[in-house]
C-alpha atoms as a PDB file:
ATOM      1  CA  UNK A   1      13.818  12.542 -51.742  1.00  0.00           C
ATOM      2  CA  UNK A   2      16.847  11.835 -53.497  1.00  0.00           C
ATOM      3  CA  UNK A   3      18.900  13.440 -51.060  1.00  0.00           C
ATOM      4  CA  UNK A   4      18.228  10.909 -48.257  1.00  0.00           C
ATOM      5  CA  UNK A   5      22.053   9.274 -47.959  1.00  0.00           C
ATOM      6  CA  UNK A   6      23.835  13.212 -48.125  1.00  0.00           C
ATOM      7  CA  UNK A   7      21.088  14.185 -45.233  1.00  0.00           C
ATOM      8  CA  UNK A   8      22.098  10.754 -43.429  1.00  0.00           C
ATOM      9  CA  UNK A   9      25.513  11.887 -43.308  1.00  0.00           C
ATOM     10  CA  UNK A  10      25.035  15.152 -41.967  1.00  0.00           C
ATOM     11  CA  UNK A  11      22.936  13.713 -39.978  1.00  0.00           C
ATOM     12  CA  UNK A  12      25.457  11.779 -38.862  1.00  0.00           C
ATOM     13  CA  UNK A  13      28.433  14.272 -38.209  1.00  0.00           C
ATOM     14  CA  UNK A  14      26.368  17.046 -36.664  1.00  0.00           C
ATOM     15  CA  UNK A  15      25.584  13.613 -33.468  1.00  0.00           C
ATOM     16  CA  UNK A  16      29.052  12.404 -33.313  1.00  0.00           C
ATOM     17  CA  UNK A  17      30.627  16.216 -33.344  1.00  0.00           C
ATOM     18  CA  UNK A  18      27.782  16.720 -30.546  1.00  0.00           C
ATOM     19  CA  UNK A  19      28.267  13.844 -28.543  1.00  0.00           C
ATOM     20  CA  UNK A  20      31.842  13.811 -28.526  1.00  0.00           C
ATOM     21  CA  UNK A  21      32.911  16.373 -25.597  1.00  0.00           C
ATOM     22  CA  UNK A  22      29.766  14.368 -23.262  1.00  0.00           C
ATOM     23  CA  UNK A  23      31.708  10.481 -24.763  1.00  0.00           C
ATOM     24  CA  UNK A  24      35.210  11.766 -24.194  1.00  0.00           C
ATOM     25  CA  UNK A  25      34.940  13.150 -20.291  1.00  0.00           C
ATOM     26  CA  UNK A  26      32.370   9.898 -19.477  1.00  0.00           C
ATOM     27  CA  UNK A  27      32.744   8.564 -16.206  1.00  0.00           C
ATOM     28  CA  UNK A  28      35.387  11.568 -15.092  1.00  0.00           C
ATOM     29  CA  UNK A  29      34.838  14.620 -13.346  1.00  0.00           C
ATOM     30  CA  UNK A  30      37.170  17.366 -11.665  1.00  0.00           C
ATOM     31  CA  UNK A  31      38.621  16.393  -8.552  1.00  0.00           C
ATOM     32  CA  UNK A  32      36.518  18.740  -4.961  1.00  0.00           C
ATOM     33  CA  UNK A  33      38.942  21.623  -4.141  1.00  0.00           C
ATOM     34  CA  UNK A  34      40.254  21.334  -0.536  1.00  0.00           C
ATOM     35  CA  UNK A  35      40.317  24.719   0.441  1.00  0.00           C
ATOM     36  CA  UNK A  36      43.823  25.687   2.041  1.00  0.00           C
ATOM     37  CA  UNK A  37      43.652  26.970   5.891  1.00  0.00           C
ATOM     38  CA  UNK A  38      47.423  27.749   5.955  1.00  0.00           C
ATOM     39  CA  UNK A  39      46.564  31.602   7.095  1.00  0.00           C
ATOM     40  CA  UNK A  40      48.495  32.999   9.982  1.00  0.00           C
ATOM     41  CA  UNK A  41      45.663  33.734  11.989  1.00  0.00           C
ATOM     42  CA  UNK A  42      44.194  30.020  11.908  1.00  0.00           C
ATOM     43  CA  UNK A  43      47.919  28.567  12.946  1.00  0.00           C
ATOM     44  CA  UNK A  44      48.157  31.452  16.081  1.00  0.00           C
ATOM     45  CA  UNK A  45      44.813  29.596  17.138  1.00  0.00           C
ATOM     46  CA  UNK A  46      44.744  27.101  20.163  1.00  0.00           C
ATOM     47  CA  UNK A  47      41.395  25.301  18.955  1.00  0.00           C
ATOM     48  CA  UNK A  48      41.253  25.272  15.086  1.00  0.00           C
ATOM     49  CA  UNK A  49      37.363  25.952  15.428  1.00  0.00           C
ATOM     50  CA  UNK A  50      35.132  28.293  12.973  1.00  0.00           C
ATOM     51  CA  UNK A  51      32.273  29.781  13.742  1.00  0.00           C
ATOM     52  CA  UNK A  52      30.210  26.562  13.252  1.00  0.00           C
ATOM     53  CA  UNK A  53      31.279  22.688  13.552  1.00  0.00           C
ATOM     54  CA  UNK A  54      32.932  22.543   9.413  1.00  0.00           C
ATOM     55  CA  UNK A  55      30.499  20.310   8.440  1.00  0.00           C
ATOM     56  CA  UNK A  56      27.686  22.754   9.065  1.00  0.00           C
ATOM     57  CA  UNK A  57      30.121  25.600   7.052  1.00  0.00           C
ATOM     58  CA  UNK A  58      30.438  23.731   4.052  1.00  0.00           C
ATOM     59  CA  UNK A  59      27.533  22.856   3.287  1.00  0.00           C
ATOM     60  CA  UNK A  60      25.188  26.044   4.304  1.00  0.00           C
ATOM     61  CA  UNK A  61      27.586  29.216   4.801  1.00  0.00           C
ATOM     62  CA  UNK A  62      25.744  30.794   1.711  1.00  0.00           C
ATOM     63  CA  UNK A  63      22.765  31.138   3.304  1.00  0.00           C
ATOM     64  CA  UNK A  64      24.273  30.659   7.163  1.00  0.00           C
ATOM     65  CA  UNK A  65      25.692  33.961   5.183  1.00  0.00           C
ATOM     66  CA  UNK A  66      22.615  35.928   3.387  1.00  0.00           C
ATOM     67  CA  UNK A  67      21.033  35.243   7.733  1.00  0.00           C
ATOM     68  CA  UNK A  68      23.757  37.006   9.090  1.00  0.00           C
ATOM     69  CA  UNK A  69      23.403  39.637   7.023  1.00  0.00           C
ATOM     70  CA  UNK A  70      19.773  39.952   7.561  1.00  0.00           C
ATOM     71  CA  UNK A  71      20.353  40.377  10.935  1.00  0.00           C
ATOM     72  CA  UNK A  72      23.583  42.345  11.324  1.00  0.00           C
ATOM     73  CA  UNK A  73      22.730  45.355   8.286  1.00  0.00           C
ATOM     74  CA  UNK A  74      17.953  44.372   8.320  1.00  0.00           C
ATOM     75  CA  UNK A  75      17.290  44.187  12.483  1.00  0.00           C
ATOM     76  CA  UNK A  76      20.037  45.614  14.024  1.00  0.00           C
ATOM     77  CA  UNK A  77      21.148  42.508  15.730  1.00  0.00           C
ATOM     78  CA  UNK A  78      25.635  42.304  15.536  1.00  0.00           C
ATOM     79  CA  UNK A  79      25.771  39.139  17.787  1.00  0.00           C
ATOM     80  CA  UNK A  80      25.590  35.946  16.482  1.00  0.00           C
ATOM     81  CA  UNK A  81      25.490  33.104  19.266  1.00  0.00           C
ATOM     82  CA  UNK A  82      26.663  29.430  18.325  1.00  0.00           C
ATOM     83  CA  UNK A  83      25.232  26.273  18.920  1.00  0.00           C
ATOM     84  CA  UNK A  84      28.206  25.657  21.877  1.00  0.00           C
ATOM     85  CA  UNK A  85      26.952  29.335  23.072  1.00  0.00           C
ATOM     86  CA  UNK A  86      29.618  31.527  22.236  1.00  0.00           C
ATOM     87  CA  UNK A  87      28.576  35.326  20.957  1.00  0.00           C
ATOM     88  CA  UNK A  88      30.253  35.761  17.835  1.00  0.00           C
ATOM     89  CA  UNK A  89      30.404  39.362  16.052  1.00  0.00           C
ATOM     90  CA  UNK A  90      28.693  39.177  12.712  1.00  0.00           C
ATOM     91  CA  UNK A  91      31.073  40.721  10.257  1.00  0.00           C
ATOM     92  CA  UNK A  92      32.284  39.491   6.679  1.00  0.00           C
ATOM     93  CA  UNK A  93      35.727  40.958   6.753  1.00  0.00           C
ATOM     94  CA  UNK A  94      36.267  41.638  11.024  1.00  0.00           C
ATOM     95  CA  UNK A  95      34.867  37.732  11.349  1.00  0.00           C
ATOM     96  CA  UNK A  96      35.900  35.709   8.604  1.00  0.00           C
ATOM     97  CA  UNK A  97      38.332  36.600   6.997  1.00  0.00           C
ATOM     98  CA  UNK A  98      40.303  37.209   9.453  1.00  0.00           C
ATOM     99  CA  UNK A  99      41.120  33.971   9.510  1.00  0.00           C
ATOM    100  CA  UNK A 100      40.063  32.836   6.235  1.00  0.00           C
ATOM    101  CA  UNK A 101      42.311  35.624   4.323  1.00  0.00           C
ATOM    102  CA  UNK A 102      43.425  33.815   1.523  1.00  0.00           C
ATOM    103  CA  UNK A 103      40.446  33.932  -0.835  1.00  0.00           C
ATOM    104  CA  UNK A 104      42.421  33.003  -3.710  1.00  0.00           C
ATOM    105  CA  UNK A 105      43.294  29.858  -1.931  1.00  0.00           C
ATOM    106  CA  UNK A 106      40.397  29.691   0.177  1.00  0.00           C
ATOM    107  CA  UNK A 107      36.787  30.732  -1.637  1.00  0.00           C
ATOM    108  CA  UNK A 108      37.525  31.117  -4.836  1.00  0.00           C
ATOM    109  CA  UNK A 109      38.855  27.631  -5.430  1.00  0.00           C
ATOM    110  CA  UNK A 110      35.292  25.554  -4.381  1.00  0.00           C
ATOM    111  CA  UNK A 111      33.433  28.430  -6.011  1.00  0.00           C
ATOM    112  CA  UNK A 112      35.454  28.165  -9.647  1.00  0.00           C
ATOM    113  CA  UNK A 113      34.704  24.468  -9.078  1.00  0.00           C
ATOM    114  CA  UNK A 114      31.054  24.910  -8.203  1.00  0.00           C
ATOM    115  CA  UNK A 115      30.825  27.824 -10.927  1.00  0.00           C
ATOM    116  CA  UNK A 116      29.151  30.019  -8.575  1.00  0.00           C
ATOM    117  CA  UNK A 117      30.583  33.905  -8.403  1.00  0.00           C
ATOM    118  CA  UNK A 118      29.252  34.832  -4.853  1.00  0.00           C
ATOM    119  CA  UNK A 119      28.591  39.036  -5.836  1.00  0.00           C
ATOM    120  CA  UNK A 120      30.240  39.414  -1.713  1.00  0.00           C
ATOM    121  CA  UNK A 121      32.716  40.649  -3.146  1.00  0.00           C
ATOM    122  CA  UNK A 122      30.168  43.711  -4.687  1.00  0.00           C
ATOM    123  CA  UNK A 123      30.275  45.315  -1.453  1.00  0.00           C
ATOM    124  CA  UNK A 124      33.184  44.087   0.755  1.00  0.00           C
ATOM    125  CA  UNK A 125      36.824  43.870   0.054  1.00  0.00           C
ATOM    126  CA  UNK A 126      39.260  40.700  -0.494  1.00  0.00           C
ATOM    127  CA  UNK A 127      41.766  40.221   2.643  1.00  0.00           C
ATOM    128  CA  UNK A 128      44.201  41.879   0.638  1.00  0.00           C
ATOM    129  CA  UNK A 129      41.904  45.368   0.389  1.00  0.00           C
ATOM    130  CA  UNK A 130      41.580  45.337  -3.349  1.00  0.00           C
ATOM    131  CA  UNK A 131      37.263  45.879  -4.211  1.00  0.00           C
ATOM    132  CA  UNK A 132      36.539  42.999  -6.574  1.00  0.00           C
END
């Protein structure tokens, strides 16, 4: 083969261009977002407690919200009893978004960081009243 040098140079250039983003960002990651809990409803609460404990809500909130949806809409049960025995009305807009009304600083920060696009807003309105 007479063009071996050209092929090898081409492969090295391709490998360099392909690997550049990986090598350039090696060992760095975007900082984990800190959702803002600075809303009037949360400030007014005597106890800063959510439906369940913070760790549970951070790690399993999407599965939790899916279970709430199924329980409320498919089974007709609109009440949830948390681990402490407190009854809570199942409603994304009237329970969750009552306190977490800053969608841009609360929901969107983590969802953008994780690269997910939840379908909640296909049916629900955001706290500012606009359907997304």
